[in-house]
Amino acid sequence: MNQELSPQQAAENIITYLKQLAEPHFAHQSQRFFKTPVVLLGIRAGQLRQVAKEFYTQIKNSWTLNQVLEFSEYLFGSPYVEIRTLAIFVLGYYSKWLKKHHLKLIKTWLEKNYCDNWALIDYFCPQILSPLLLKNPELSREILTWTESVNKWVRRAAVVSFIQPVRQSLFLSEAYQVAEKLFEDKEDLIQKAIGWLLREVGKKNMARLEKFLLLHGPRIPRTTLRYAIERFPEDKRRIILKETRLK
């Protein structure tokens, strides 16, 4: 992984190295976390983070952001989940250098299905998309429109991108908006993501969440609702489930 290598050469070397770390048994075990089959090498996240850290130390004083983006895009073309995960981990070191105009590239990557499972989206958003949103709050308006995308990974990213900011008590109203826009979404992975987001919002104001859930009632998918109310007391959960049933 010489500093003088081009992004493509470095990516090819990284891919070769990662394939040497493959654990087929672990790959087989990990399939149970995915509803549909994914292509896995069988490398633990901790190992990937260490490889990303070591690679970053080699390139941080020589590569430009554009070179890192080129490197990441090359890795994103791999079918292996771990290779694409590494692209996210490396790019995460450069998230502070991303600008508003990079949102278009990010959306294009999502539309190309570079992050085509819940795990990749859930790595990508807090490392790449959420930091960009936190630096540029006005991008929230654009991300809210992603709820209308035909691509389910773009829609899930629209939800998950707000989780990190919500934990900092930011974009709470936008979080409710993105949830409401997706109540009719039939995708299980979207319904679960909305429930996750609402649960995080509820940590900031349980009364507001309860009012929101009772207001929208039967519109809310039951999967979403059950995730959203996890932190309510048991008696309160029963009441909310009853009051939001289709009459």
C-alpha atoms as a PDB file:
ATOM      1  CA  MET A   1       0.000   0.000   0.000  1.00  0.00           C
ATOM      2  CA  ASN A   2       2.617   2.466  -1.149  1.00  0.00           C
ATOM      3  CA  GLN A   3       1.789   6.181  -0.956  1.00  0.00           C
ATOM      4  CA  GLU A   4       2.759   6.583  -4.610  1.00  0.00           C
ATOM      5  CA  LEU A   5       0.114   4.180  -5.861  1.00  0.00           C
ATOM      6  CA  SER A   6      -2.858   5.525  -7.770  1.00  0.00           C
ATOM      7  CA  PRO A   7      -6.273   5.232  -6.074  1.00  0.00           C
ATOM      8  CA  GLN A   8      -7.169   2.302  -8.334  1.00  0.00           C
ATOM      9  CA  GLN A   9      -3.892   0.483  -7.673  1.00  0.00           C
ATOM     10  CA  ALA A  10      -4.268   1.058  -3.935  1.00  0.00           C
ATOM     11  CA  ALA A  11      -7.848  -0.220  -4.069  1.00  0.00           C
ATOM     12  CA  GLU A  12      -6.777  -3.360  -5.924  1.00  0.00           C
ATOM     13  CA  ASN A  13      -4.066  -3.999  -3.330  1.00  0.00           C
ATOM     14  CA  ILE A  14      -6.546  -3.496  -0.486  1.00  0.00           C
ATOM     15  CA  ILE A  15      -9.003  -5.911  -2.096  1.00  0.00           C
ATOM     16  CA  THR A  16      -6.285  -8.561  -2.429  1.00  0.00           C
ATOM     17  CA  TYR A  17      -5.297  -8.041   1.209  1.00  0.00           C
ATOM     18  CA  LEU A  18      -8.869  -8.248   2.497  1.00  0.00           C
ATOM     19  CA  LYS A  19      -9.497 -11.470   0.616  1.00  0.00           C
ATOM     20  CA  GLN A  20      -6.560 -12.968   2.527  1.00  0.00           C
ATOM     21  CA  LEU A  21      -8.368 -12.134   5.792  1.00  0.00           C
ATOM     22  CA  ALA A  22     -11.538 -13.948   4.742  1.00  0.00           C
ATOM     23  CA  GLU A  23     -13.132 -16.408   7.162  1.00  0.00           C
ATOM     24  CA  PRO A  24     -15.696 -18.479   5.225  1.00  0.00           C
ATOM     25  CA  HIS A  25     -17.257 -19.906   8.398  1.00  0.00           C
ATOM     26  CA  PHE A  26     -17.821 -16.428   9.836  1.00  0.00           C
ATOM     27  CA  ALA A  27     -19.219 -15.306   6.481  1.00  0.00           C
ATOM     28  CA  HIS A  28     -21.710 -18.175   6.587  1.00  0.00           C
ATOM     29  CA  GLN A  29     -22.716 -17.344  10.168  1.00  0.00           C
ATOM     30  CA  SER A  30     -23.200 -13.670   9.320  1.00  0.00           C
ATOM     31  CA  GLN A  31     -25.753 -14.403   6.602  1.00  0.00           C
ATOM     32  CA  ARG A  32     -28.393 -14.813   9.306  1.00  0.00           C
ATOM     33  CA  PHE A  33     -28.430 -11.051   9.853  1.00  0.00           C
ATOM     34  CA  PHE A  34     -29.713 -10.426   6.327  1.00  0.00           C
ATOM     35  CA  LYS A  35     -33.150 -11.304   4.951  1.00  0.00           C
ATOM     36  CA  THR A  36     -31.754 -11.801   1.464  1.00  0.00           C
ATOM     37  CA  PRO A  37     -28.333 -13.322   0.671  1.00  0.00           C
ATOM     38  CA  VAL A  38     -25.341 -10.963   0.565  1.00  0.00           C
ATOM     39  CA  VAL A  39     -21.783 -11.570  -0.605  1.00  0.00           C
ATOM     40  CA  LEU A  40     -19.487 -11.750   2.413  1.00  0.00           C
ATOM     41  CA  LEU A  41     -15.808 -12.451   2.971  1.00  0.00           C
ATOM     42  CA  GLY A  42     -16.246 -13.021   6.679  1.00  0.00           C
ATOM     43  CA  ILE A  43     -14.181 -10.195   8.194  1.00  0.00           C
ATOM     44  CA  ARG A  44     -15.075  -8.606  11.520  1.00  0.00           C
ATOM     45  CA  ALA A  45     -15.797  -4.886  11.715  1.00  0.00           C
ATOM     46  CA  GLY A  46     -12.931  -4.347  14.151  1.00  0.00           C
ATOM     47  CA  GLN A  47     -10.454  -5.756  11.643  1.00  0.00           C
ATOM     48  CA  LEU A  48     -11.863  -3.520   8.909  1.00  0.00           C
ATOM     49  CA  ARG A  49     -11.555  -0.456  11.118  1.00  0.00           C
ATOM     50  CA  GLN A  50      -7.921  -1.310  11.826  1.00  0.00           C
ATOM     51  CA  VAL A  51      -7.132  -1.763   8.125  1.00  0.00           C
ATOM     52  CA  ALA A  52      -8.848   1.559   7.374  1.00  0.00           C
ATOM     53  CA  LYS A  53      -6.873   3.312  10.111  1.00  0.00           C
ATOM     54  CA  GLU A  54      -3.553   1.930   8.874  1.00  0.00           C
ATOM     55  CA  PHE A  55      -4.367   2.871   5.292  1.00  0.00           C
ATOM     56  CA  TYR A  56      -5.368   6.381   6.344  1.00  0.00           C
ATOM     57  CA  THR A  57      -2.044   6.917   8.122  1.00  0.00           C
ATOM     58  CA  GLN A  58      -0.279   6.061   4.858  1.00  0.00           C
ATOM     59  CA  ILE A  59      -2.241   8.434   2.634  1.00  0.00           C
ATOM     60  CA  LYS A  60      -3.251  11.322   4.898  1.00  0.00           C
ATOM     61  CA  ASN A  61      -0.274  13.500   3.992  1.00  0.00           C
ATOM     62  CA  SER A  62      -0.256  12.774   0.274  1.00  0.00           C
ATOM     63  CA  TRP A  63      -3.756  12.145  -1.101  1.00  0.00           C
ATOM     64  CA  THR A  64      -6.323  14.759  -2.028  1.00  0.00           C
ATOM     65  CA  LEU A  65     -10.016  14.374  -1.255  1.00  0.00           C
ATOM     66  CA  ASN A  66     -10.667  13.591  -4.917  1.00  0.00           C
ATOM     67  CA  GLN A  67      -8.206  10.705  -4.763  1.00  0.00           C
ATOM     68  CA  VAL A  68      -9.964   9.345  -1.691  1.00  0.00           C
ATOM     69  CA  LEU A  69     -13.327   9.623  -3.447  1.00  0.00           C
ATOM     70  CA  GLU A  70     -11.925   7.774  -6.468  1.00  0.00           C
ATOM     71  CA  PHE A  71     -10.486   5.066  -4.201  1.00  0.00           C
ATOM     72  CA  SER A  72     -13.802   4.701  -2.380  1.00  0.00           C
ATOM     73  CA  GLU A  73     -15.824   4.542  -5.570  1.00  0.00           C
ATOM     74  CA  TYR A  74     -13.593   1.759  -6.879  1.00  0.00           C
ATOM     75  CA  LEU A  75     -14.160  -0.252  -3.698  1.00  0.00           C
ATOM     76  CA  PHE A  76     -17.895   0.434  -3.850  1.00  0.00           C
ATOM     77  CA  GLY A  77     -17.933  -1.488  -7.115  1.00  0.00           C
ATOM     78  CA  SER A  78     -17.093  -4.713  -5.287  1.00  0.00           C
ATOM     79  CA  PRO A  79     -19.853  -7.222  -4.520  1.00  0.00           C
ATOM     80  CA  TYR A  80     -18.306  -7.939  -1.102  1.00  0.00           C
ATOM     81  CA  VAL A  81     -19.960  -6.150   1.809  1.00  0.00           C
ATOM     82  CA  GLU A  82     -16.693  -5.867   3.749  1.00  0.00           C
ATOM     83  CA  ILE A  83     -14.834  -4.218   0.868  1.00  0.00           C
ATOM     84  CA  ARG A  84     -17.560  -1.590   0.574  1.00  0.00           C
ATOM     85  CA  THR A  85     -17.555  -1.206   4.351  1.00  0.00           C
ATOM     86  CA  LEU A  86     -13.842  -0.435   4.208  1.00  0.00           C
ATOM     87  CA  ALA A  87     -14.550   2.281   1.640  1.00  0.00           C
ATOM     88  CA  ILE A  88     -16.940   3.870   4.140  1.00  0.00           C
ATOM     89  CA  PHE A  89     -14.460   3.609   7.015  1.00  0.00           C
ATOM     90  CA  VAL A  90     -11.673   5.243   4.994  1.00  0.00           C
ATOM     91  CA  LEU A  91     -13.952   7.958   3.656  1.00  0.00           C
ATOM     92  CA  GLY A  92     -15.132   8.592   7.201  1.00  0.00           C
ATOM     93  CA  TYR A  93     -11.717  10.074   7.995  1.00  0.00           C
ATOM     94  CA  TYR A  94     -12.390  12.695   5.323  1.00  0.00           C
ATOM     95  CA  SER A  95     -16.012  13.528   6.116  1.00  0.00           C
ATOM     96  CA  LYS A  96     -14.972  16.910   7.524  1.00  0.00           C
ATOM     97  CA  TRP A  97     -13.666  17.876   4.078  1.00  0.00           C
ATOM     98  CA  LEU A  98     -16.876  17.099   2.237  1.00  0.00           C
ATOM     99  CA  LYS A  99     -18.800  20.118   0.922  1.00  0.00           C
ATOM    100  CA  LYS A 100     -22.453  20.772   0.148  1.00  0.00           C
ATOM    101  CA  HIS A 101     -21.997  19.876  -3.501  1.00  0.00           C
ATOM    102  CA  HIS A 102     -20.881  16.373  -2.508  1.00  0.00           C
ATOM    103  CA  LEU A 103     -24.478  15.562  -1.513  1.00  0.00           C
ATOM    104  CA  LYS A 104     -25.250  14.974  -5.189  1.00  0.00           C
ATOM    105  CA  LEU A 105     -22.406  12.426  -5.429  1.00  0.00           C
ATOM    106  CA  ILE A 106     -23.566  10.735  -2.234  1.00  0.00           C
ATOM    107  CA  LYS A 107     -27.089  10.364  -3.575  1.00  0.00           C
ATOM    108  CA  THR A 108     -25.724   8.992  -6.850  1.00  0.00           C
ATOM    109  CA  TRP A 109     -23.771   6.354  -4.931  1.00  0.00           C
ATOM    110  CA  LEU A 110     -26.934   5.351  -3.096  1.00  0.00           C
ATOM    111  CA  GLU A 111     -28.913   5.219  -6.344  1.00  0.00           C
ATOM    112  CA  LYS A 112     -26.231   2.938  -7.784  1.00  0.00           C
ATOM    113  CA  ASN A 113     -26.897   0.572  -4.863  1.00  0.00           C
ATOM    114  CA  TYR A 114     -23.363   0.823  -3.536  1.00  0.00           C
ATOM    115  CA  CYS A 115     -24.963   0.472  -0.087  1.00  0.00           C
ATOM    116  CA  ASP A 116     -27.545  -2.190  -0.827  1.00  0.00           C
ATOM    117  CA  ASN A 117     -28.263  -3.579   2.623  1.00  0.00           C
ATOM    118  CA  TRP A 118     -29.202  -2.185   6.011  1.00  0.00           C
ATOM    119  CA  ALA A 119     -25.708  -2.681   7.462  1.00  0.00           C
ATOM    120  CA  LEU A 120     -23.953  -0.604   4.790  1.00  0.00           C
ATOM    121  CA  ILE A 121     -26.541   2.178   5.057  1.00  0.00           C
ATOM    122  CA  ASP A 122     -26.188   2.189   8.827  1.00  0.00           C
ATOM    123  CA  TYR A 123     -22.401   2.564   8.522  1.00  0.00           C
ATOM    124  CA  PHE A 124     -22.607   5.095   5.693  1.00  0.00           C
ATOM    125  CA  CYS A 125     -25.011   7.568   7.259  1.00  0.00           C
ATOM    126  CA  PRO A 126     -23.283   8.321  10.589  1.00  0.00           C
ATOM    127  CA  GLN A 127     -19.822   8.350   9.021  1.00  0.00           C
ATOM    128  CA  ILE A 128     -20.520  10.278   5.815  1.00  0.00           C
ATOM    129  CA  LEU A 129     -24.002  11.721   5.436  1.00  0.00           C
ATOM    130  CA  SER A 130     -24.791  12.875   8.978  1.00  0.00           C
ATOM    131  CA  PRO A 131     -21.524  14.837   9.407  1.00  0.00           C
ATOM    132  CA  LEU A 132     -22.244  16.621   6.112  1.00  0.00           C
ATOM    133  CA  LEU A 133     -25.763  17.462   7.327  1.00  0.00           C
ATOM    134  CA  LEU A 134     -24.469  18.743  10.661  1.00  0.00           C
ATOM    135  CA  LYS A 135     -22.058  21.081   8.872  1.00  0.00           C
ATOM    136  CA  ASN A 136     -24.693  22.221   6.377  1.00  0.00           C
ATOM    137  CA  PRO A 137     -28.125  22.262   8.066  1.00  0.00           C
ATOM    138  CA  GLU A 138     -29.774  23.634   4.934  1.00  0.00           C
ATOM    139  CA  LEU A 139     -29.210  20.233   3.286  1.00  0.00           C
ATOM    140  CA  SER A 140     -32.009  18.838   5.448  1.00  0.00           C
ATOM    141  CA  ARG A 141     -34.548  20.146   2.927  1.00  0.00           C
ATOM    142  CA  GLU A 142     -32.927  18.152   0.122  1.00  0.00           C
ATOM    143  CA  ILE A 143     -32.591  15.012   2.233  1.00  0.00           C
ATOM    144  CA  LEU A 144     -36.286  15.212   3.148  1.00  0.00           C
ATOM    145  CA  THR A 145     -37.102  14.910  -0.570  1.00  0.00           C
ATOM    146  CA  TRP A 146     -35.245  11.590  -0.649  1.00  0.00           C
ATOM    147  CA  THR A 147     -38.303  10.049   1.015  1.00  0.00           C
ATOM    148  CA  GLU A 148     -39.924  10.208  -2.446  1.00  0.00           C
ATOM    149  CA  SER A 149     -37.168   8.189  -4.136  1.00  0.00           C
ATOM    150  CA  VAL A 150     -38.031   4.922  -5.868  1.00  0.00           C
ATOM    151  CA  ASN A 151     -34.796   3.526  -4.422  1.00  0.00           C
ATOM    152  CA  LYS A 152     -35.338   2.029  -0.973  1.00  0.00           C
ATOM    153  CA  TRP A 153     -31.713   2.615   0.036  1.00  0.00           C
ATOM    154  CA  VAL A 154     -32.056   6.329  -0.663  1.00  0.00           C
ATOM    155  CA  ARG A 155     -35.222   6.325   1.455  1.00  0.00           C
ATOM    156  CA  ARG A 156     -33.540   4.466   4.321  1.00  0.00           C
ATOM    157  CA  ALA A 157     -30.611   6.892   4.157  1.00  0.00           C
ATOM    158  CA  ALA A 158     -33.086   9.779   4.440  1.00  0.00           C
ATOM    159  CA  VAL A 159     -34.212   8.310   7.758  1.00  0.00           C
ATOM    160  CA  VAL A 160     -30.911   7.121   9.227  1.00  0.00           C
ATOM    161  CA  SER A 161     -29.082  10.358   8.348  1.00  0.00           C
ATOM    162  CA  PHE A 162     -31.102  12.162  11.032  1.00  0.00           C
ATOM    163  CA  ILE A 163     -30.380   9.719  13.876  1.00  0.00           C
ATOM    164  CA  GLN A 164     -26.953  11.089  14.794  1.00  0.00           C
ATOM    165  CA  PRO A 165     -28.135  14.745  14.736  1.00  0.00           C
ATOM    166  CA  VAL A 166     -31.231  13.858  16.795  1.00  0.00           C
ATOM    167  CA  ARG A 167     -28.948  12.394  19.464  1.00  0.00           C
ATOM    168  CA  GLN A 168     -27.459  15.887  19.673  1.00  0.00           C
ATOM    169  CA  SER A 169     -30.978  17.368  20.008  1.00  0.00           C
ATOM    170  CA  LEU A 170     -30.836  18.727  16.458  1.00  0.00           C
ATOM    171  CA  PHE A 171     -33.327  18.423  13.562  1.00  0.00           C
ATOM    172  CA  LEU A 172     -36.075  17.049  15.822  1.00  0.00           C
ATOM    173  CA  SER A 173     -38.880  18.568  13.735  1.00  0.00           C
ATOM    174  CA  GLU A 174     -37.264  17.286  10.536  1.00  0.00           C
ATOM    175  CA  ALA A 175     -37.081  13.813  12.061  1.00  0.00           C
ATOM    176  CA  TYR A 176     -40.832  13.848  12.633  1.00  0.00           C
ATOM    177  CA  GLN A 177     -41.329  15.088   9.075  1.00  0.00           C
ATOM    178  CA  VAL A 178     -39.264  12.318   7.514  1.00  0.00           C
ATOM    179  CA  ALA A 179     -41.132   9.727   9.571  1.00  0.00           C
ATOM    180  CA  GLU A 180     -44.544  11.064   8.573  1.00  0.00           C
ATOM    181  CA  LYS A 181     -43.581  11.119   4.895  1.00  0.00           C
ATOM    182  CA  LEU A 182     -42.797   7.401   5.002  1.00  0.00           C
ATOM    183  CA  PHE A 183     -45.713   5.988   6.997  1.00  0.00           C
ATOM    184  CA  GLU A 184     -47.141   4.435   3.821  1.00  0.00           C
ATOM    185  CA  ASP A 185     -43.837   2.779   2.868  1.00  0.00           C
ATOM    186  CA  LYS A 186     -44.275  -0.996   2.629  1.00  0.00           C
ATOM    187  CA  GLU A 187     -40.588  -1.883   2.963  1.00  0.00           C
ATOM    188  CA  ASP A 188     -39.862  -3.586   6.281  1.00  0.00           C
ATOM    189  CA  LEU A 189     -36.384  -2.056   6.480  1.00  0.00           C
ATOM    190  CA  ILE A 190     -37.904   1.420   6.100  1.00  0.00           C
ATOM    191  CA  GLN A 191     -40.571   0.786   8.730  1.00  0.00           C
ATOM    192  CA  LYS A 192     -37.913  -0.385  11.187  1.00  0.00           C
ATOM    193  CA  ALA A 193     -35.691   2.621  10.434  1.00  0.00           C
ATOM    194  CA  ILE A 194     -38.578   5.033  11.076  1.00  0.00           C
ATOM    195  CA  GLY A 195     -39.286   3.312  14.381  1.00  0.00           C
ATOM    196  CA  TRP A 196     -35.615   3.591  15.316  1.00  0.00           C
ATOM    197  CA  LEU A 197     -35.603   7.308  14.473  1.00  0.00           C
ATOM    198  CA  LEU A 198     -38.792   7.967  16.449  1.00  0.00           C
ATOM    199  CA  ARG A 199     -37.391   6.076  19.438  1.00  0.00           C
ATOM    200  CA  GLU A 200     -34.337   8.363  19.367  1.00  0.00           C
ATOM    201  CA  VAL A 201     -36.545  11.467  19.074  1.00  0.00           C
ATOM    202  CA  GLY A 202     -38.587  10.222  22.010  1.00  0.00           C
ATOM    203  CA  LYS A 203     -35.505  10.193  24.220  1.00  0.00           C
ATOM    204  CA  LYS A 204     -35.514  13.981  23.909  1.00  0.00           C
ATOM    205  CA  ASN A 205     -39.224  14.476  24.609  1.00  0.00           C
ATOM    206  CA  MET A 206     -41.406  11.459  25.377  1.00  0.00           C
ATOM    207  CA  ALA A 207     -44.577  13.546  25.640  1.00  0.00           C
ATOM    208  CA  ARG A 208     -44.072  14.977  22.157  1.00  0.00           C
ATOM    209  CA  LEU A 209     -43.519  11.504  20.720  1.00  0.00           C
ATOM    210  CA  GLU A 210     -46.636  10.150  22.432  1.00  0.00           C
ATOM    211  CA  LYS A 211     -48.730  13.023  21.062  1.00  0.00           C
ATOM    212  CA  PHE A 212     -47.310  12.422  17.566  1.00  0.00           C
ATOM    213  CA  LEU A 213     -48.059   8.691  17.682  1.00  0.00           C
ATOM    214  CA  LEU A 214     -51.621   9.193  18.918  1.00  0.00           C
ATOM    215  CA  LEU A 215     -52.223  11.895  16.310  1.00  0.00           C
ATOM    216  CA  HIS A 216     -51.232   9.678  13.389  1.00  0.00           C
ATOM    217  CA  GLY A 217     -52.571   6.474  14.886  1.00  0.00           C
ATOM    218  CA  PRO A 218     -53.563   3.844  12.304  1.00  0.00           C
ATOM    219  CA  ARG A 219     -51.353   5.412   9.610  1.00  0.00           C
ATOM    220  CA  ILE A 220     -48.281   4.187  11.439  1.00  0.00           C
ATOM    221  CA  PRO A 221     -47.098   0.665  10.519  1.00  0.00           C
ATOM    222  CA  ARG A 222     -47.213  -1.627  13.557  1.00  0.00           C
ATOM    223  CA  THR A 223     -43.548  -2.512  13.078  1.00  0.00           C
ATOM    224  CA  THR A 224     -42.654   1.178  13.245  1.00  0.00           C
ATOM    225  CA  LEU A 225     -44.865   1.709  16.269  1.00  0.00           C
ATOM    226  CA  ARG A 226     -43.397  -1.155  18.267  1.00  0.00           C
ATOM    227  CA  TYR A 227     -39.871   0.144  17.709  1.00  0.00           C
ATOM    228  CA  ALA A 228     -40.917   3.704  18.544  1.00  0.00           C
ATOM    229  CA  ILE A 229     -42.512   2.884  21.906  1.00  0.00           C
ATOM    230  CA  GLU A 230     -39.797   0.599  23.272  1.00  0.00           C
ATOM    231  CA  ARG A 231     -38.760   3.115  25.931  1.00  0.00           C
ATOM    232  CA  PHE A 232     -42.241   3.827  27.227  1.00  0.00           C
ATOM    233  CA  PRO A 233     -43.386   2.056  30.423  1.00  0.00           C
ATOM    234  CA  GLU A 234     -45.255  -1.175  29.719  1.00  0.00           C
ATOM    235  CA  ASP A 235     -48.667   0.213  30.651  1.00  0.00           C
ATOM    236  CA  LYS A 236     -48.124   3.221  28.392  1.00  0.00           C
ATOM    237  CA  ARG A 237     -47.066   0.941  25.521  1.00  0.00           C
ATOM    238  CA  ARG A 238     -50.293  -1.027  25.845  1.00  0.00           C
ATOM    239  CA  ILE A 239     -52.381   2.152  25.777  1.00  0.00           C
ATOM    240  CA  ILE A 240     -50.598   3.519  22.697  1.00  0.00           C
ATOM    241  CA  LEU A 241     -50.920   0.207  20.843  1.00  0.00           C
ATOM    242  CA  LYS A 242     -54.629   0.111  21.644  1.00  0.00           C
ATOM    243  CA  GLU A 243     -55.339   3.755  20.789  1.00  0.00           C
ATOM    244  CA  THR A 244     -53.526   3.571  17.447  1.00  0.00           C
ATOM    245  CA  ARG A 245     -55.312   0.482  16.156  1.00  0.00           C
ATOM    246  CA  LEU A 246     -57.422   0.806  13.054  1.00  0.00           C
ATOM    247  CA  LYS A 247     -60.946   1.546  14.299  1.00  0.00           C
END
